[in-house]
Amino acid sequence: MKVLFLTQFSEISGTSRIHVLQFLPLLRKRGITCTSRHFYSDGFYRIMFDLVKINRFSKAVNFVYHISLGMLKKLWYIRLAGNYDAVFLQREVFPGLWRQLLKNRNPRIIYEIEDAVFEVNPIYRKRGLIYFWAVNYQARLISPMIRSAAWVIAENEYLAEYSRKFNDKVTIISCPIDTNYFLPAPERVSEVVTIGWLGSPLTTYLLKVLDPVFIKLAQKYGDKTRIMTIGAADDYDLAGVNLVRKRWNLATQVADLQEFDIGLMPLDNSPFNKGRLGGKMMQYMSIGIPIVAANVGLNPTVIRSGFNGYLAGNVDEWVDRLSLLIESRELRKNLGENGRLEVVKNYDINKQADLIAEIITRVGHSTVK
């Protein structure tokens, strides 16, 4: 079985890496020949996600150039598609004529979405007309992509419910996590409790909502707590708070997460974020730490208060829930262990690789038209 995997980016992107690329070695072990290609360069990713700073005009020119180059790549990948038993396509969209050309070359398309990409990400509403137009255009093409697919893989029930409006072959595969890689650290002996957040420069706006919480905790506990961010914007700072910023790094991501005692999952209730089942929560749980999460969106489907963490709806609730965990090492240990057991049972990548292999085999052997 030969499959062409098409992702938006290389492994530099969390969504491409977590939802597609990390499966390839496991699928090869299951007898599937995997060829991987991506639409956009690492340089484009770094600029778009604010990992590299350039002026607004240069960013717009860069955006137009790489989107145009991506469109040309799509024509090449359409040509390649006919050489494979199936095509696994991660969230990228093809305009009408090109979508039909792709389907003519290979109708055995498995389409994967892990975000509510049929909504406009609020990040891009403030970036300017060209970005808003592009993301809005993508959002409008999602339903035709789903409709034309032989099979759809949705990251959660919210996305699956949307997908079923256009395609009855939908499977949910949620937040795959390599639990043999994301392992708990040896027991920490530090008296300083580290409250950690994993994200990106573009999602730092969600973290900033917790600034009043961090200030109250600093006033309450002083140097007994610290806030650690992995991947936050370089200019994120908060006076009076013991704050440690680290850049995300693939080579050190596990060791960095193992410094956390508590994991944070802030989220707003925007239409786009209603479809976000934060993969960071699975990483926290696999590392064996409890979570405090915003009581919105899909967070309550993962967090069971008092079992693997707590949900919070306002500043006082965030402070109260975090205080419970700060003041009890035993509580952190128990909730963290519960989370670890849950993620091994429900989200381990090996079990999900079996499911993807089954879908690929079914689609690859089908007579889709």
Protein backbone atom coordinates (compact mmCIF):
# COMPACT_ATOMS: atom_id res chain seq x y z
CA MET A 1 0.00 0.00 0.00
CA LYS A 2 1.58 3.28 -1.16
CA VAL A 3 0.29 6.51 0.38
CA LEU A 4 1.16 10.13 -0.36
CA PHE A 5 0.98 12.28 2.79
CA LEU A 6 0.50 16.00 2.13
CA THR A 7 0.92 18.32 5.11
CA GLN A 8 0.87 22.09 5.36
CA PHE A 9 4.35 22.26 6.89
CA SER A 10 7.25 20.05 7.91
CA GLU A 11 7.69 18.83 11.49
CA ILE A 12 8.38 22.43 12.52
CA SER A 13 4.58 22.77 12.75
CA GLY A 14 2.90 21.15 15.72
CA THR A 15 -0.25 20.29 13.79
CA SER A 16 1.62 18.66 10.91
CA ARG A 17 4.01 16.85 13.24
CA ILE A 18 1.48 15.65 15.81
CA HIS A 19 -1.44 14.75 13.57
CA VAL A 20 0.40 13.27 10.59
CA LEU A 21 4.19 13.06 10.53
CA GLN A 22 4.74 11.27 13.84
CA PHE A 23 2.54 8.44 12.55
CA LEU A 24 4.70 7.65 9.52
CA PRO A 25 7.30 5.41 11.22
CA LEU A 26 4.48 3.47 12.88
CA LEU A 27 2.57 3.11 9.62
CA ARG A 28 5.69 1.86 7.85
CA LYS A 29 5.96 -0.86 10.51
CA ARG A 30 2.41 -1.81 9.58
CA GLY A 31 3.36 -2.38 5.95
CA ILE A 32 2.38 1.00 4.48
CA THR A 33 4.85 2.75 2.18
CA CYS A 34 4.74 6.44 3.13
CA THR A 35 5.86 9.39 1.04
CA SER A 36 5.65 12.80 2.70
CA ARG A 37 5.49 16.24 1.07
CA HIS A 38 4.52 19.65 2.44
CA PHE A 39 3.13 22.81 0.86
CA TYR A 40 4.99 25.58 2.68
CA SER A 41 8.58 26.14 3.77
CA ASP A 42 9.99 26.38 7.28
CA GLY A 43 10.97 29.98 6.58
CA PHE A 44 7.37 30.86 5.78
CA TYR A 45 6.23 29.16 9.00
CA ARG A 46 8.71 31.09 11.12
CA ILE A 47 7.58 34.41 9.67
CA MET A 48 3.86 33.66 9.77
CA PHE A 49 3.98 32.50 13.38
CA ASP A 50 6.13 35.42 14.54
CA LEU A 51 9.22 33.33 15.27
CA VAL A 52 11.09 35.71 12.98
CA LYS A 53 10.29 39.42 13.07
CA ILE A 54 10.05 41.40 9.84
CA ASN A 55 8.14 44.57 8.99
CA ARG A 56 4.47 44.48 8.02
CA PHE A 57 5.04 45.15 4.31
CA SER A 58 7.73 42.47 3.99
CA LYS A 59 5.49 40.01 5.80
CA ALA A 60 2.64 40.68 3.34
CA VAL A 61 4.98 40.22 0.34
CA ASN A 62 6.33 37.04 1.89
CA PHE A 63 2.77 35.79 2.46
CA VAL A 64 1.71 36.36 -1.17
CA TYR A 65 4.89 34.76 -2.50
CA HIS A 66 4.62 31.58 -0.43
CA ILE A 67 0.89 31.16 -0.95
CA SER A 68 1.49 31.45 -4.71
CA LEU A 69 4.34 28.95 -4.49
CA GLY A 70 2.08 26.64 -2.51
CA MET A 71 -0.50 26.80 -5.28
CA LEU A 72 2.12 25.69 -7.81
CA LYS A 73 3.11 22.84 -5.52
CA LYS A 74 -0.50 21.74 -5.48
CA LEU A 75 -0.39 21.27 -9.26
CA TRP A 76 2.71 19.10 -8.88
CA TYR A 77 1.15 17.06 -6.07
CA ILE A 78 -1.98 16.54 -8.17
CA ARG A 79 0.28 14.95 -10.80
CA LEU A 80 1.98 12.78 -8.18
CA ALA A 81 -1.29 11.64 -6.62
CA GLY A 82 -2.03 9.18 -9.40
CA ASN A 83 1.04 7.14 -8.45
CA TYR A 84 -0.35 6.18 -5.04
CA ASP A 85 -3.04 3.92 -3.62
CA ALA A 86 -4.33 6.77 -1.43
CA VAL A 87 -3.65 10.41 -0.57
CA PHE A 88 -3.66 11.60 3.04
CA LEU A 89 -4.27 15.37 3.03
CA GLN A 90 -3.89 17.47 6.18
CA ARG A 91 -6.35 20.43 6.31
CA GLU A 92 -5.07 22.19 3.15
CA VAL A 93 -7.68 23.25 0.59
CA PHE A 94 -7.77 23.07 -3.21
CA PRO A 95 -9.86 25.49 -5.31
CA GLY A 96 -12.73 24.00 -7.31
CA LEU A 97 -11.04 23.04 -10.59
CA TRP A 98 -7.89 21.81 -8.88
CA ARG A 99 -9.93 19.85 -6.37
CA GLN A 100 -11.64 18.08 -9.27
CA LEU A 101 -8.27 17.44 -10.96
CA LEU A 102 -6.98 15.91 -7.73
CA LYS A 103 -10.02 13.70 -7.42
CA ASN A 104 -9.70 12.64 -11.06
CA ARG A 105 -6.08 11.65 -10.47
CA ASN A 106 -6.86 9.85 -7.24
CA PRO A 107 -10.33 9.76 -5.65
CA ARG A 108 -9.04 7.83 -2.63
CA ILE A 109 -8.44 10.93 -0.50
CA ILE A 110 -8.31 10.85 3.30
CA TYR A 111 -8.87 14.37 4.59
CA GLU A 112 -7.79 15.33 8.12
CA ILE A 113 -8.80 18.38 10.15
CA GLU A 114 -7.69 19.10 13.71
CA ASP A 115 -9.02 22.65 14.12
CA ALA A 116 -12.25 24.46 13.27
CA VAL A 117 -10.70 25.66 10.02
CA PHE A 118 -14.19 26.31 8.67
CA GLU A 119 -14.17 29.32 11.02
CA VAL A 120 -11.82 32.30 10.80
CA ASN A 121 -9.05 32.13 13.38
CA PRO A 122 -9.32 35.34 15.47
CA ILE A 123 -5.55 35.78 15.22
CA TYR A 124 -5.88 36.77 11.58
CA ARG A 125 -8.71 39.27 12.03
CA LYS A 126 -6.18 41.83 13.25
CA ARG A 127 -3.45 41.09 10.73
CA GLY A 128 -4.85 42.96 7.77
CA LEU A 129 -7.16 42.46 4.84
CA ILE A 130 -4.94 40.12 2.82
CA TYR A 131 -4.62 37.60 5.67
CA PHE A 132 -8.29 37.80 6.58
CA TRP A 133 -9.26 37.25 2.94
CA ALA A 134 -6.97 34.23 2.63
CA VAL A 135 -8.19 32.56 5.83
CA ASN A 136 -11.81 33.32 5.01
CA TYR A 137 -11.28 31.82 1.55
CA GLN A 138 -9.81 28.69 3.14
CA ALA A 139 -12.75 28.45 5.55
CA ARG A 140 -15.24 28.49 2.66
CA LEU A 141 -13.41 25.67 0.87
CA ILE A 142 -13.36 23.26 3.81
CA SER A 143 -16.84 21.84 3.25
CA PRO A 144 -16.19 21.01 -0.45
CA MET A 145 -12.93 19.32 0.56
CA ILE A 146 -14.76 17.22 3.13
CA ARG A 147 -17.51 16.38 0.65
CA SER A 148 -15.04 15.17 -1.98
CA ALA A 149 -13.01 13.00 0.40
CA ALA A 150 -13.27 9.23 0.51
CA TRP A 151 -12.79 9.42 4.28
CA VAL A 152 -12.50 12.17 6.88
CA ILE A 153 -10.46 12.09 10.08
CA ALA A 154 -11.64 14.65 12.63
CA GLU A 155 -9.76 15.50 15.79
CA ASN A 156 -12.82 15.66 18.03
CA GLU A 157 -16.60 15.32 18.14
CA TYR A 158 -17.17 19.03 17.42
CA LEU A 159 -15.26 18.75 14.13
CA ALA A 160 -16.79 15.36 13.39
CA GLU A 161 -20.30 16.77 13.79
CA TYR A 162 -19.51 19.47 11.27
CA SER A 163 -17.90 16.97 8.87
CA ARG A 164 -20.89 14.62 8.95
CA LYS A 165 -22.98 17.32 7.31
CA PHE A 166 -21.01 16.68 4.13
CA ASN A 167 -19.62 13.15 4.43
CA ASP A 168 -20.87 10.07 6.27
CA LYS A 169 -17.43 8.45 6.47
CA VAL A 170 -15.93 10.25 9.47
CA THR A 171 -13.64 8.86 12.16
CA ILE A 172 -12.48 10.67 15.29
CA ILE A 173 -8.79 10.38 16.16
CA SER A 174 -7.98 12.70 19.05
CA CYS A 175 -4.70 14.22 20.20
CA PRO A 176 -2.29 11.36 19.47
CA ILE A 177 0.49 11.28 22.04
CA ASP A 178 3.63 9.14 22.17
CA THR A 179 3.43 8.10 25.81
CA ASN A 180 6.81 6.34 25.55
CA TYR A 181 8.39 9.68 24.65
CA PHE A 182 6.42 12.11 26.83
CA LEU A 183 7.36 10.51 30.14
CA PRO A 184 7.05 11.82 33.71
CA ALA A 185 10.21 13.23 35.23
CA PRO A 186 11.81 11.76 38.35
CA GLU A 187 10.09 13.24 41.38
CA ARG A 188 10.90 16.92 41.71
CA VAL A 189 12.31 18.09 45.02
CA SER A 190 12.19 21.86 44.45
CA GLU A 191 10.12 23.87 46.90
CA VAL A 192 9.25 26.31 44.12
CA VAL A 193 6.06 25.26 42.32
CA THR A 194 6.29 25.80 38.56
CA ILE A 195 3.06 26.69 36.77
CA GLY A 196 3.62 26.15 33.07
CA TRP A 197 2.10 27.05 29.72
CA LEU A 198 2.96 25.62 26.30
CA GLY A 199 1.99 27.63 23.24
CA SER A 200 3.27 29.92 20.50
CA PRO A 201 3.77 33.64 19.90
CA LEU A 202 0.43 33.76 18.09
CA THR A 203 -1.51 32.13 20.95
CA THR A 204 0.08 34.26 23.67
CA TYR A 205 -3.10 36.37 23.65
CA LEU A 206 -4.82 33.46 25.42
CA LEU A 207 -2.12 33.35 28.09
CA LYS A 208 -2.41 37.10 28.74
CA VAL A 209 -5.97 36.58 29.98
CA LEU A 210 -4.38 34.97 33.04
CA ASP A 211 -2.18 37.97 33.91
CA PRO A 212 -4.47 39.01 36.82
CA VAL A 213 -4.30 35.43 38.10
CA PHE A 214 -0.51 35.40 38.01
CA ILE A 215 -0.33 38.73 39.84
CA LYS A 216 -2.61 37.46 42.62
CA LEU A 217 -0.61 34.26 42.97
CA ALA A 218 2.64 36.24 43.18
CA GLN A 219 1.15 38.39 45.91
CA LYS A 220 -0.09 35.32 47.74
CA TYR A 221 2.93 33.01 47.45
CA GLY A 222 5.86 35.23 46.52
CA ASP A 223 8.94 33.29 45.40
CA LYS A 224 7.31 29.96 46.25
CA THR A 225 5.83 29.90 42.74
CA ARG A 226 7.02 30.75 39.27
CA ILE A 227 5.37 30.95 35.86
CA MET A 228 7.18 29.21 33.00
CA THR A 229 6.18 29.68 29.37
CA ILE A 230 7.37 27.58 26.45
CA GLY A 231 6.87 29.26 23.08
CA ALA A 232 5.31 32.54 24.23
CA ALA A 233 5.98 35.80 22.40
CA ASP A 234 9.42 37.23 23.16
CA ASP A 235 7.91 40.45 24.48
CA TYR A 236 5.61 38.72 26.96
CA ASP A 237 6.45 39.99 30.44
CA LEU A 238 4.67 40.70 33.70
CA ALA A 239 6.03 42.99 36.39
CA GLY A 240 6.14 41.54 39.89
CA VAL A 241 5.80 37.94 38.71
CA ASN A 242 8.59 35.33 38.77
CA LEU A 243 8.48 34.58 35.06
CA VAL A 244 10.70 32.23 33.04
CA ARG A 245 10.38 32.23 29.24
CA LYS A 246 11.72 29.47 27.01
CA ARG A 247 11.53 29.09 23.27
CA TRP A 248 9.98 25.86 22.08
CA ASN A 249 12.59 23.39 20.85
CA LEU A 250 11.88 19.93 19.47
CA ALA A 251 15.06 18.51 21.01
CA THR A 252 14.30 19.77 24.54
CA GLN A 253 10.50 19.80 24.58
CA VAL A 254 10.13 16.86 26.98
CA ALA A 255 12.79 18.06 29.42
CA ASP A 256 11.23 21.53 29.39
CA LEU A 257 7.75 20.17 30.11
CA GLN A 258 9.14 18.01 32.91
CA GLU A 259 9.96 21.21 34.78
CA PHE A 260 6.24 21.93 35.16
CA ASP A 261 4.34 21.05 38.33
CA ILE A 262 1.00 22.31 36.97
CA GLY A 263 -0.11 22.81 33.36
CA LEU A 264 -2.31 25.65 32.10
CA MET A 265 -4.92 25.53 29.34
CA PRO A 266 -6.50 28.99 28.97
CA LEU A 267 -8.97 29.33 26.09
CA ASP A 268 -11.62 31.75 24.89
CA ASN A 269 -15.04 30.88 23.54
CA SER A 270 -14.56 32.16 19.98
CA PRO A 271 -16.09 30.05 17.19
CA PHE A 272 -12.64 28.93 16.03
CA ASN A 273 -11.51 27.87 19.50
CA LYS A 274 -14.70 25.92 20.15
CA GLY A 275 -13.18 23.24 17.92
CA ARG A 276 -9.80 23.19 19.65
CA LEU A 277 -9.00 20.15 21.76
CA GLY A 278 -5.66 21.36 23.06
CA GLY A 279 -2.90 18.87 22.40
CA LYS A 280 -0.94 20.57 25.16
CA MET A 281 -3.33 18.98 27.67
CA MET A 282 -2.36 15.51 26.42
CA GLN A 283 1.31 16.40 26.75
CA TYR A 284 0.76 17.66 30.29
CA MET A 285 -1.09 14.49 31.24
CA SER A 286 1.48 12.22 29.61
CA ILE A 287 4.20 14.03 31.60
CA GLY A 288 2.12 13.29 34.71
CA ILE A 289 1.10 16.78 35.84
CA PRO A 290 -2.37 18.12 36.74
CA ILE A 291 -4.07 20.75 34.59
CA VAL A 292 -6.12 23.84 35.29
CA ALA A 293 -8.16 24.71 32.20
CA ALA A 294 -10.70 27.28 31.13
CA ASN A 295 -14.23 25.93 31.49
CA VAL A 296 -15.10 26.51 27.82
CA GLY A 297 -15.04 24.70 24.50
CA LEU A 298 -13.88 21.12 24.56
CA ASN A 299 -11.78 21.44 27.71
CA PRO A 300 -14.53 19.89 29.89
CA THR A 301 -14.45 16.76 27.71
CA VAL A 302 -10.87 16.15 28.87
CA ILE A 303 -10.64 17.68 32.33
CA ARG A 304 -12.59 16.04 35.15
CA SER A 305 -12.35 18.31 38.16
CA GLY A 306 -10.68 16.61 41.06
CA PHE A 307 -9.54 13.68 38.92
CA ASN A 308 -6.90 14.95 36.48
CA GLY A 309 -7.14 18.69 37.12
CA TYR A 310 -9.64 21.50 37.54
CA LEU A 311 -11.80 23.78 35.42
CA ALA A 312 -11.98 27.53 36.05
CA GLY A 313 -14.37 30.17 34.77
CA ASN A 314 -13.11 33.46 36.23
CA VAL A 315 -10.09 34.99 37.95
CA ASP A 316 -11.12 33.90 41.45
CA GLU A 317 -11.72 30.31 40.32
CA TRP A 318 -8.33 30.20 38.58
CA VAL A 319 -6.63 31.45 41.75
CA ASP A 320 -8.56 29.01 43.98
CA ARG A 321 -7.88 25.94 41.79
CA LEU A 322 -4.23 26.78 41.35
CA SER A 323 -3.87 27.43 45.07
CA LEU A 324 -5.18 23.96 45.87
CA LEU A 325 -2.48 22.45 43.71
CA ILE A 326 0.28 24.80 44.83
CA GLU A 327 -0.34 23.93 48.47
CA SER A 328 -0.49 20.15 48.09
CA ARG A 329 2.30 18.13 46.52
CA GLU A 330 0.25 14.99 47.19
CA LEU A 331 -2.75 16.36 45.29
CA ARG A 332 -0.55 17.28 42.34
CA LYS A 333 0.92 13.78 42.37
CA ASN A 334 -2.44 12.00 42.51
CA LEU A 335 -4.10 14.08 39.80
CA GLY A 336 -1.00 13.84 37.62
CA GLU A 337 -0.95 10.06 37.91
CA ASN A 338 -4.64 9.89 37.00
CA GLY A 339 -4.00 12.00 33.92
CA ARG A 340 -1.08 9.83 32.87
CA LEU A 341 -3.19 6.66 33.12
CA GLU A 342 -5.99 8.29 31.13
CA VAL A 343 -3.80 9.45 28.28
CA VAL A 344 -2.13 6.05 28.00
CA LYS A 345 -5.56 4.42 27.83
CA ASN A 346 -7.32 6.79 25.44
CA TYR A 347 -4.79 8.77 23.42
CA ASP A 348 -1.68 6.63 22.94
CA ILE A 349 -0.29 6.95 19.43
CA ASN A 350 0.17 3.22 18.87
CA LYS A 351 -3.55 2.52 19.24
CA GLN A 352 -4.38 5.43 16.97
CA ALA A 353 -1.84 4.27 14.38
CA ASP A 354 -3.77 0.99 14.15
CA LEU A 355 -6.93 2.96 13.42
CA ILE A 356 -5.27 5.10 10.75
CA ALA A 357 -3.74 2.02 9.13
CA GLU A 358 -7.20 0.44 9.01
CA ILE A 359 -8.68 3.53 7.35
CA ILE A 360 -5.84 3.70 4.81
CA THR A 361 -6.26 0.02 3.95
CA ARG A 362 -10.01 0.39 3.57
CA VAL A 363 -9.74 3.48 1.38
CA GLY A 364 -6.78 2.18 -0.61
CA HIS A 365 -8.67 -0.96 -1.55
CA SER A 366 -11.93 0.84 -2.30
CA THR A 367 -13.41 1.66 -5.69
CA VAL A 368 -14.25 5.30 -4.96
CA LYS A 369 -15.31 7.40 -7.92
